[in-house]
Structure formats: C-alpha cells, structure tokens
Amino acid sequence: MTRTPALRSLRAALALLLLAACIEIKDEDAPASKTSAQPNAPSTATPVSETAPDTADISAPSYALSALDTAGLAQQLPPELADSATKTSRISSADAPLTKFPAKILGRGPVPLQLQILLDRSNFSPGIVDGTWGSNAAKALAFFASSDAAAADTSSMSKQRSTIDRATYDRLRAAAGSEPALRKYTITESDLSGPFVKIPDSVYQQAKLPCLCYSTAAEAIAERFHTTQKLLAQLNPGITLDNLRAGAVLTVPNVDNERQASATDSIPIARLIVSRTGFWTHAVDASGRILFHFPSTLGAGYDPSPSGDFKIVSVAHNPKFHYQPKLFAEVPDTKPEARLPAGPNSPVGVVWIGLSKPHYGIHGTSAPETIGYANSHGCVRLTNWDAQQLSDLVESGTPVVFR
C-alpha cells in the first residue's frame, strides 16, 4: 500500500510520542514558542523531513492507545481531504448559524468545525480544530453545558455529546464573541523566514540541532490557528501549502485570540483538577466552577500519572529537554543521556509547568492531534497552545489535584 504524506505525518506524530517523558527541564537559550508563527531561533534552515523518526533508541516502547479512546483516535485524526469545490464549499459554510434544534452533530463537516471554533474561543478547548467530532470536542461541549467541576466524574460527562440544544448553542455563541468562525489571514515574509529544521531520526542527532523548530511554514501557520495542514488545504484548495508565498491569503479558523477577553480571563484560578481516567485538565474558581477545560494525555501502564494533591513550583517557557533513559521504563539504563534543544517540536513542546512531585509536570507536545488519545510517561500533556494559555493562568503555589 502506498503511504500518503498524511500517513507519513501520522506515523511521525505517533513516533514522536515515544520521546515524551517527564524529566528535568531547563529554560535557557531556547527558540520562541510554537504558538508564534515566527520562531525566534538560529537562522540556519534545512528542508523538512517526511521520514518517521527511528524509534531504535527506545527498545521496547510502552506507548499504547488508551483503551478508552482507541476508536476515538481514528475518528479524531483528519480524514483524507478531497479537493472538490462541493466539499470545500460545504466546510467553508462553518460560519452559518444553526437554526434547527436540537441540532445533530455529525462526525465531520461545517457544524463540528463551527462548534470546535466556538468552544476554543470560549475557553473549553476541543484540542485540535479539524472539523471532526471526536471525544475531545464532545467532552468540551458537555463540560461547557454544565461548567460544574463537582459533576466532572459523573458517567454523563464521559459520553459523547452528539446534539446541542438552542439554549446551550446561544450561550456558546455569546461566550465565543461575535466574530465569524472563519477569517482571512495574509501570509507575511516573516511567516516564511524560518528557521525550518529537518528533524533527524535519532534522539542523539536531534541533540546536535540548534533548535527543534518548525519543519515548514505551513506547520507553523496551522498551529497558530490551532488546526491541521489538512484542514488548511481543504479551506484553501487553490493554494499549495508546501509553496506558500508572502501576500497569499488563507482562510483559517478564527481562534487567534482576536475576540474580546472573556469574563473568566480575569477570575483567579483556585486550583487545577486533572482526571486520570477522563483525560482532561480543568482550571476552576473557588466555588468549583470550570473556567478553562483542556483535553489531556495522561500516563498509564508502567508510567502512570500520580494521585493526590500537589502544587505548581515552576513555569518554564521554551524548555530544553533532558533525555534520561533511567526515567523510561522501556529504555535500558545503559543508554546515554542527551539534552535536546528547545523548540515547538520538542517532546515537551513550548511550556513546562513543574509540579511539586519531582520529574512530573504539565507540558506541551510536538503531536497535538494525539492529545487525549494516547498515553504519556506520567506527565500531563496538552496541545502547545493550551499549555501556553494555562501557563498564563497559573503561578507558583497553584494547587493541582489528580483524581
């Protein structure tokens, strides 16, 4: 079977998960955040690699898809996108308000895309915005409908929500602001300036790079708008993403923080609640009301996430990654250590929020499409943009409860 670029990208993303352990972090000499379209890193640029990383350095990988969401991963990952004008027109109709209720949410299309964007702008993150209705988006909608952390462990919260009523929809649109779901973005010279880095197969070769930067301008732009290159291609059928030019105008999800600040943005965060079985993280106020919801990847197997009460002890932006084989259950202790440079494609992404339990933290990722659908080595993994937002909300001493 011929492997398409999409399949190669999926294999690469899943392979990168093998590196995402919870380990010592240093915040120094790092490139800019992956949430920016212009990474500030050394100027040497090399072409993108389409080869999946070699996992030979990890001899017996323990990563496995969560039993809860094995089917959800296949549903959430973007499908092959057709170039037909009909399908492009259909997905581009995401701005059309819903008028018939209760509205059924199909597996993919303009309604899921619109709801993902509205949830993202309302601080109830659906994870990656791709126009596909997976369990991450369904949970975000369910929690938005209740906003009650006390109900967070009820069985109803783990079920996929496949319809939306008028009251919830009207409240969601009010919370998200009046801007349209899609917007136009003009590519700048800065977007194309890089550096763009070819990621070597070996972790030890990666350690020699000046940064773990973006691979392409299209990757940087996709993450800036919390989406996938596949969705960008579908929204922009006349533009070749691997040959972007300054001045080209793209249609993108309108999640670029251009809405007015939500009323919740100024409310102090009382604590974080992390669900080890529900695969989410909540920032709540003193009354227990959910202010921010983030889909999360948690540990399992030989590397479970901790239980109990902890607190935040540090926040590091653009952290370096200390690869220590002794902290990986499946890696021989005889393997040498390595220090990987910072960058958006670092195994810990663009932010490390350290916890009072040594070697554990909340951090970003190089594979946002896998959040909520795969296991970590015990840490709490978020998309880079969610980790960046969370880092702006918390401070040293903020309580973190695992349950």
Protein backbone atom coordinates (compact mmCIF):
# COMPACT_ATOMS: atom_id res chain seq x y z
CA MET A 1 0.00 0.00 0.00
CA THR A 2 1.36 3.41 -0.93
CA ARG A 3 1.93 5.66 2.05
CA THR A 4 0.47 9.13 1.53
CA PRO A 5 2.01 12.24 3.14
CA ALA A 6 -0.88 12.12 5.61
CA LEU A 7 0.03 8.62 6.73
CA ARG A 8 3.70 9.56 6.98
CA SER A 9 2.73 12.55 9.12
CA LEU A 10 0.63 10.32 11.38
CA ARG A 11 3.48 7.82 11.76
CA ALA A 12 5.85 10.64 12.56
CA ALA A 13 3.50 12.13 15.13
CA LEU A 14 2.96 8.83 16.92
CA ALA A 15 6.66 8.04 16.87
CA LEU A 16 7.47 11.39 18.45
CA LEU A 17 5.31 10.40 21.41
CA LEU A 18 7.95 7.85 22.33
CA LEU A 19 10.21 10.67 23.43
CA ALA A 20 7.72 12.48 25.66
CA ALA A 21 8.88 11.51 29.17
CA CYS A 22 8.62 13.66 32.28
CA ILE A 23 12.10 14.78 33.16
CA GLU A 24 14.38 17.60 34.18
CA ILE A 25 13.66 20.85 32.35
CA LYS A 26 15.85 23.91 31.84
CA ASP A 27 14.64 27.25 30.49
CA GLU A 28 17.63 28.69 28.67
CA ASP A 29 18.87 29.55 25.19
CA ALA A 30 15.55 28.46 23.67
CA PRO A 31 13.75 29.43 20.48
CA ALA A 32 10.39 31.16 20.55
CA SER A 33 7.07 29.49 21.26
CA LYS A 34 5.40 27.26 18.71
CA THR A 35 2.29 29.33 19.21
CA SER A 36 4.01 32.10 17.32
CA ALA A 37 4.20 31.97 13.55
CA GLN A 38 7.74 33.38 13.65
CA PRO A 39 10.02 31.20 15.83
CA ASN A 40 13.00 33.11 17.16
CA ALA A 41 15.77 30.60 16.70
CA PRO A 42 19.16 30.35 14.99
CA SER A 43 18.97 31.27 11.34
CA THR A 44 20.30 28.09 9.76
CA ALA A 45 17.44 26.40 7.90
CA THR A 46 17.21 22.98 6.30
CA PRO A 47 14.40 21.23 4.40
CA VAL A 48 11.64 19.35 6.14
CA SER A 49 11.95 15.61 6.62
CA GLU A 50 8.99 13.40 5.74
CA THR A 51 10.58 10.33 7.30
CA ALA A 52 9.10 8.96 10.51
CA PRO A 53 11.60 9.08 13.40
CA ASP A 54 13.51 5.88 14.05
CA THR A 55 12.50 4.51 17.45
CA ALA A 56 15.51 2.22 17.77
CA ASP A 57 16.73 4.29 20.73
CA ILE A 58 13.65 3.18 22.66
CA SER A 59 13.95 -0.57 22.67
CA ALA A 60 10.53 -1.65 23.99
CA PRO A 61 8.09 1.24 23.69
CA SER A 62 5.28 1.07 26.23
CA TYR A 63 3.17 3.68 24.47
CA ALA A 64 -0.27 2.36 23.61
CA LEU A 65 -3.53 3.97 22.69
CA SER A 66 -5.85 4.45 25.62
CA ALA A 67 -8.43 1.71 25.88
CA LEU A 68 -10.98 4.45 26.43
CA ASP A 69 -10.39 6.09 23.07
CA THR A 70 -8.78 3.69 20.62
CA ALA A 71 -11.65 4.31 18.22
CA GLY A 72 -11.65 7.99 19.10
CA LEU A 73 -8.12 8.47 17.78
CA ALA A 74 -9.08 7.14 14.37
CA GLN A 75 -12.11 9.40 14.37
CA GLN A 76 -10.24 12.47 15.55
CA LEU A 77 -7.31 12.26 13.15
CA PRO A 78 -8.11 14.21 9.96
CA PRO A 79 -9.53 12.18 7.07
CA GLU A 80 -8.16 12.42 3.55
CA LEU A 81 -9.41 15.75 2.28
CA ALA A 82 -10.99 15.95 -1.18
CA ASP A 83 -10.26 18.94 -3.44
CA SER A 84 -13.75 19.15 -4.89
CA ALA A 85 -15.41 22.55 -4.88
CA THR A 86 -18.52 20.99 -3.37
CA LYS A 87 -16.75 19.70 -0.26
CA THR A 88 -14.70 22.86 0.08
CA SER A 89 -17.85 24.97 -0.13
CA ARG A 90 -19.53 22.76 2.44
CA ILE A 91 -16.74 23.04 5.03
CA SER A 92 -16.46 26.77 4.35
CA SER A 93 -20.09 27.18 5.42
CA ALA A 94 -19.00 26.82 9.06
CA ASP A 95 -20.00 30.45 9.61
CA ALA A 96 -23.69 29.73 9.02
CA PRO A 97 -25.56 29.85 12.37
CA LEU A 98 -27.53 26.78 13.39
CA THR A 99 -31.29 27.31 13.14
CA LYS A 100 -32.95 23.94 13.86
CA PHE A 101 -32.80 22.43 17.34
CA PRO A 102 -31.91 20.12 18.84
CA ALA A 103 -29.15 20.15 16.22
CA LYS A 104 -27.46 16.85 15.42
CA ILE A 105 -23.65 16.98 15.33
CA LEU A 106 -22.37 14.76 12.54
CA GLY A 107 -18.96 13.10 12.52
CA ARG A 108 -17.32 15.77 10.38
CA GLY A 109 -18.19 18.85 8.42
CA PRO A 110 -19.11 22.52 8.92
CA VAL A 111 -21.16 22.04 12.12
CA PRO A 112 -18.37 20.22 14.02
CA LEU A 113 -15.89 22.80 12.71
CA GLN A 114 -18.01 25.73 13.87
CA LEU A 115 -18.58 24.19 17.30
CA GLN A 116 -14.87 23.41 17.74
CA ILE A 117 -14.01 27.03 16.99
CA LEU A 118 -16.69 28.38 19.31
CA LEU A 119 -15.57 26.05 22.12
CA ASP A 120 -11.94 27.06 21.59
CA ARG A 121 -12.83 30.74 21.87
CA SER A 122 -14.96 30.05 24.97
CA ASN A 123 -12.03 28.52 26.91
CA PHE A 124 -13.37 24.95 26.58
CA SER A 125 -10.69 23.56 24.32
CA PRO A 126 -11.62 20.81 21.84
CA GLY A 127 -7.94 20.16 21.24
CA ILE A 128 -7.04 20.35 17.58
CA VAL A 129 -9.60 22.12 15.34
CA ASP A 130 -10.07 19.82 12.35
CA GLY A 131 -13.79 19.69 11.59
CA THR A 132 -14.09 16.17 13.04
CA TRP A 133 -16.33 15.50 16.06
CA GLY A 134 -14.28 13.25 18.34
CA SER A 135 -14.50 12.65 22.06
CA ASN A 136 -12.28 15.67 22.90
CA ALA A 137 -14.78 18.08 21.35
CA ALA A 138 -17.75 16.18 22.76
CA LYS A 139 -16.34 16.36 26.29
CA ALA A 140 -15.60 20.06 25.88
CA LEU A 141 -19.22 20.69 24.88
CA ALA A 142 -20.56 18.57 27.75
CA PHE A 143 -18.46 20.45 30.29
CA PHE A 144 -19.40 23.81 28.77
CA ALA A 145 -23.06 22.87 29.17
CA SER A 146 -22.57 22.19 32.88
CA SER A 147 -19.46 24.21 33.88
CA ASP A 148 -19.66 22.32 37.17
CA ALA A 149 -16.49 20.64 38.35
CA ALA A 150 -18.45 18.81 41.04
CA ALA A 151 -20.16 16.82 38.28
CA ALA A 152 -16.94 16.16 36.43
CA ASP A 153 -16.68 12.48 37.33
CA THR A 154 -20.26 11.52 36.56
CA SER A 155 -20.82 8.98 33.81
CA SER A 156 -22.70 11.51 31.69
CA MET A 157 -19.51 13.52 31.27
CA SER A 158 -17.68 10.61 29.65
CA LYS A 159 -20.32 10.05 26.99
CA GLN A 160 -20.01 11.71 23.62
CA ARG A 161 -22.47 14.55 23.18
CA SER A 162 -23.93 14.28 19.67
CA THR A 163 -26.60 17.00 19.82
CA ILE A 164 -26.80 20.59 21.01
CA ASP A 165 -29.91 22.44 22.18
CA ARG A 166 -30.73 26.07 21.43
CA ALA A 167 -30.01 27.36 24.94
CA THR A 168 -26.52 25.83 25.01
CA TYR A 169 -25.79 26.98 21.46
CA ASP A 170 -26.88 30.56 22.16
CA ARG A 171 -24.77 30.64 25.33
CA LEU A 172 -21.79 29.22 23.44
CA ARG A 173 -22.02 31.87 20.73
CA ALA A 174 -22.31 34.58 23.37
CA ALA A 175 -19.24 33.27 25.21
CA ALA A 176 -17.21 32.98 21.99
CA GLY A 177 -17.86 36.52 20.81
CA SER A 178 -19.44 37.86 17.67
CA GLU A 179 -16.57 37.31 15.22
CA PRO A 180 -17.15 34.79 12.41
CA ALA A 181 -15.86 31.25 12.79
CA LEU A 182 -13.51 31.63 9.80
CA ARG A 183 -11.26 34.55 8.90
CA LYS A 184 -8.73 35.62 6.30
CA TYR A 185 -5.01 35.65 7.04
CA THR A 186 -2.36 37.20 4.79
CA ILE A 187 0.99 35.40 4.77
CA THR A 188 3.95 37.63 5.59
CA GLU A 189 7.66 37.39 4.81
CA SER A 190 8.20 36.71 8.49
CA ASP A 191 5.98 33.61 8.28
CA LEU A 192 8.30 32.24 5.59
CA SER A 193 11.63 33.19 7.14
CA GLY A 194 12.02 30.16 9.39
CA PRO A 195 14.26 28.66 10.50
CA PHE A 196 12.73 25.38 9.36
CA VAL A 197 14.58 22.31 10.52
CA LYS A 198 14.89 18.77 9.27
CA ILE A 199 14.40 16.55 12.32
CA PRO A 200 16.91 13.66 12.37
CA ASP A 201 15.84 10.11 13.14
CA SER A 202 17.93 9.69 16.27
CA VAL A 203 17.37 11.50 19.55
CA TYR A 204 21.14 11.86 19.79
CA GLN A 205 21.27 13.55 16.40
CA GLN A 206 18.41 15.80 17.47
CA ALA A 207 20.53 16.86 20.44
CA LYS A 208 23.04 18.37 17.96
CA LEU A 209 20.49 20.71 16.39
CA PRO A 210 20.33 24.42 17.25
CA CYS A 211 16.58 24.06 17.84
CA LEU A 212 13.67 21.69 17.38
CA CYS A 213 11.90 24.28 15.27
CA TYR A 214 9.03 24.02 12.84
CA SER A 215 9.55 21.84 9.81
CA THR A 216 7.66 24.12 7.42
CA ALA A 217 5.85 27.44 7.31
CA ALA A 218 2.59 25.53 6.82
CA GLU A 219 3.14 23.66 10.09
CA ALA A 220 3.75 26.94 11.92
CA ILE A 221 0.65 28.59 10.46
CA ALA A 222 -1.53 25.54 11.16
CA GLU A 223 -0.56 25.53 14.84
CA ARG A 224 -1.00 29.26 15.13
CA PHE A 225 -4.66 28.71 14.26
CA HIS A 226 -4.97 25.50 16.32
CA THR A 227 -5.61 23.36 13.27
CA THR A 228 -4.09 20.87 10.83
CA GLN A 229 -2.46 21.33 7.47
CA LYS A 230 -5.17 19.06 6.05
CA LEU A 231 -7.94 21.42 7.12
CA LEU A 232 -5.98 24.39 5.75
CA ALA A 233 -5.71 22.55 2.45
CA GLN A 234 -9.44 21.91 2.39
CA LEU A 235 -10.29 25.51 3.22
CA ASN A 236 -7.82 26.78 0.60
CA PRO A 237 -7.97 24.43 -2.41
CA GLY A 238 -6.25 26.92 -4.72
CA ILE A 239 -3.13 27.27 -2.56
CA THR A 240 -0.25 24.79 -2.35
CA LEU A 241 0.83 24.67 1.28
CA ASP A 242 4.35 23.49 0.52
CA ASN A 243 4.93 26.50 -1.72
CA LEU A 244 3.47 29.40 0.27
CA ARG A 245 4.25 32.96 -0.83
CA ALA A 246 4.08 36.26 1.00
CA GLY A 247 0.86 38.07 0.23
CA ALA A 248 -1.18 34.91 -0.27
CA VAL A 249 -4.47 35.00 1.63
CA LEU A 250 -5.59 31.94 3.58
CA THR A 251 -8.96 31.10 5.10
CA VAL A 252 -8.26 29.92 8.67
CA PRO A 253 -10.18 29.08 11.86
CA ASN A 254 -10.78 32.29 13.79
CA VAL A 255 -9.16 31.25 17.07
CA ASP A 256 -6.29 33.73 17.05
CA ASN A 257 -7.22 35.48 20.30
CA GLU A 258 -8.74 38.42 18.45
CA ARG A 259 -12.01 38.25 20.33
CA GLN A 260 -12.57 40.41 23.39
CA ALA A 261 -11.31 38.88 26.61
CA SER A 262 -13.79 36.56 28.27
CA ALA A 263 -15.10 37.49 31.68
CA THR A 264 -13.42 34.35 33.03
CA ASP A 265 -9.97 35.59 31.98
CA SER A 266 -9.81 37.93 34.99
CA ILE A 267 -11.08 35.44 37.57
CA PRO A 268 -8.35 33.94 39.80
CA ILE A 269 -7.70 30.23 39.31
CA ALA A 270 -8.22 28.48 42.65
CA ARG A 271 -6.80 25.10 41.58
CA LEU A 272 -6.29 22.69 38.71
CA ILE A 273 -8.14 19.37 38.62
CA VAL A 274 -6.64 16.58 36.49
CA SER A 275 -8.68 13.49 35.64
CA ARG A 276 -6.53 10.38 35.27
CA THR A 277 -9.40 8.47 33.62
CA GLY A 278 -11.33 11.23 31.86
CA PHE A 279 -8.23 12.63 30.10
CA TRP A 280 -8.80 16.31 30.85
CA THR A 281 -7.50 19.18 32.98
CA HIS A 282 -9.75 21.86 34.49
CA ALA A 283 -8.89 25.26 35.91
CA VAL A 284 -11.62 26.09 38.43
CA ASP A 285 -12.53 29.01 40.67
CA ALA A 286 -13.02 28.87 44.43
CA SER A 287 -16.60 27.64 44.03
CA GLY A 288 -15.56 24.77 41.76
CA ARG A 289 -16.90 26.32 38.56
CA ILE A 290 -14.95 25.30 35.47
CA LEU A 291 -13.26 28.32 33.90
CA PHE A 292 -10.99 26.51 31.44
CA HIS A 293 -11.15 22.98 30.06
CA PHE A 294 -8.19 21.28 28.34
CA PRO A 295 -8.13 17.78 26.80
CA SER A 296 -5.10 15.97 28.17
CA THR A 297 -2.88 12.96 27.71
CA LEU A 298 -2.12 11.12 30.95
CA GLY A 299 0.19 8.29 31.99
CA ALA A 300 -0.67 4.60 32.12
CA GLY A 301 0.93 1.18 32.42
CA TYR A 302 4.47 1.34 33.79
CA ASP A 303 4.32 5.14 33.87
CA PRO A 304 1.02 6.17 35.48
CA SER A 305 0.23 9.74 36.40
CA PRO A 306 0.38 10.43 40.15
CA SER A 307 -2.55 10.53 42.54
CA GLY A 308 -3.13 13.10 45.22
CA ASP A 309 -2.59 16.78 45.86
CA PHE A 310 0.39 18.75 44.57
CA LYS A 311 1.20 22.32 43.61
CA ILE A 312 2.92 24.19 40.82
CA VAL A 313 6.54 25.02 41.61
CA SER A 314 7.81 26.47 38.32
CA VAL A 315 6.83 27.61 34.83
CA ALA A 316 9.45 27.40 32.06
CA HIS A 317 8.83 28.67 28.55
CA ASN A 318 10.71 27.10 25.61
CA PRO A 319 12.36 24.49 27.84
CA LYS A 320 15.25 22.25 26.95
CA PHE A 321 14.66 18.52 27.28
CA HIS A 322 16.93 16.31 29.40
CA TYR A 323 16.61 12.79 27.97
CA GLN A 324 17.36 10.35 30.81
CA PRO A 325 16.93 6.66 29.92
CA LYS A 326 16.68 5.70 33.60
CA LEU A 327 13.35 7.52 33.75
CA PHE A 328 11.87 5.46 30.90
CA ALA A 329 10.56 2.07 31.95
CA GLU A 330 11.22 0.66 28.47
CA VAL A 331 14.70 2.13 27.83
CA PRO A 332 17.87 0.37 29.06
CA ASP A 333 19.65 2.39 31.73
CA THR A 334 22.89 1.85 29.82
CA LYS A 335 21.76 4.20 27.05
CA PRO A 336 23.49 7.60 27.25
CA GLU A 337 21.68 10.71 28.33
CA ALA A 338 21.10 13.60 25.95
CA ARG A 339 19.99 17.21 26.11
CA LEU A 340 17.63 18.20 23.34
CA PRO A 341 17.35 21.85 22.30
CA ALA A 342 14.16 23.79 22.80
CA GLY A 343 11.59 24.40 20.14
CA PRO A 344 7.99 23.74 19.12
CA ASN A 345 8.84 20.17 18.08
CA SER A 346 10.43 19.34 21.42
CA PRO A 347 8.90 16.33 23.18
CA VAL A 348 7.69 18.72 25.90
CA GLY A 349 6.59 21.43 23.48
CA VAL A 350 6.84 25.11 24.33
CA VAL A 351 5.96 25.13 28.05
CA TRP A 352 6.89 23.11 31.13
CA ILE A 353 4.79 23.66 34.28
CA GLY A 354 6.66 21.85 37.02
CA LEU A 355 4.84 20.12 39.88
CA SER A 356 5.92 19.51 43.47
CA LYS A 357 6.39 15.82 42.61
CA PRO A 358 9.89 15.60 41.07
CA HIS A 359 10.07 14.88 37.31
CA TYR A 360 6.33 15.44 36.84
CA GLY A 361 4.72 18.39 35.12
CA ILE A 362 2.19 19.75 32.66
CA HIS A 363 3.64 20.47 29.23
CA GLY A 364 3.08 20.89 25.50
CA THR A 365 3.67 18.42 22.70
CA SER A 366 5.04 18.00 19.19
CA ALA A 367 1.97 15.93 18.21
CA PRO A 368 -1.22 17.88 19.06
CA GLU A 369 -3.51 15.50 17.16
CA THR A 370 -2.79 12.74 19.68
CA ILE A 371 -3.79 14.68 22.82
CA GLY A 372 -6.45 12.77 24.74
CA TYR A 373 -5.93 9.62 22.69
CA ALA A 374 -2.56 8.21 23.78
CA ASN A 375 -0.62 7.59 26.98
CA SER A 376 2.29 9.59 28.36
CA HIS A 377 5.10 8.63 30.71
CA GLY A 378 3.11 10.05 33.62
CA CYS A 379 3.02 13.77 32.90
CA VAL A 380 0.03 15.82 31.79
CA ARG A 381 0.39 16.65 28.11
CA LEU A 382 -1.61 19.39 26.36
CA THR A 383 -1.53 20.95 22.91
CA ASN A 384 1.11 23.67 22.74
CA TRP A 385 -1.49 26.42 22.56
CA ASP A 386 -3.41 25.08 25.55
CA ALA A 387 -0.20 24.69 27.56
CA GLN A 388 0.74 28.27 26.68
CA GLN A 389 -2.66 29.56 27.79
CA LEU A 390 -2.55 27.57 31.02
CA SER A 391 0.92 28.90 31.83
CA ASP A 392 -0.52 32.44 31.72
CA LEU A 393 -3.25 31.50 34.22
CA VAL A 394 -1.26 29.80 36.98
CA GLU A 395 1.58 30.71 39.28
CA SER A 396 3.91 29.08 41.73
CA GLY A 397 1.81 27.58 44.52
CA THR A 398 -1.35 26.95 42.49
CA PRO A 399 -2.83 23.66 43.80
CA VAL A 400 -3.06 20.72 41.41
CA VAL A 401 -5.35 17.79 42.28
CA PHE A 402 -5.15 14.44 40.47
CA ARG A 403 -8.25 12.29 40.77
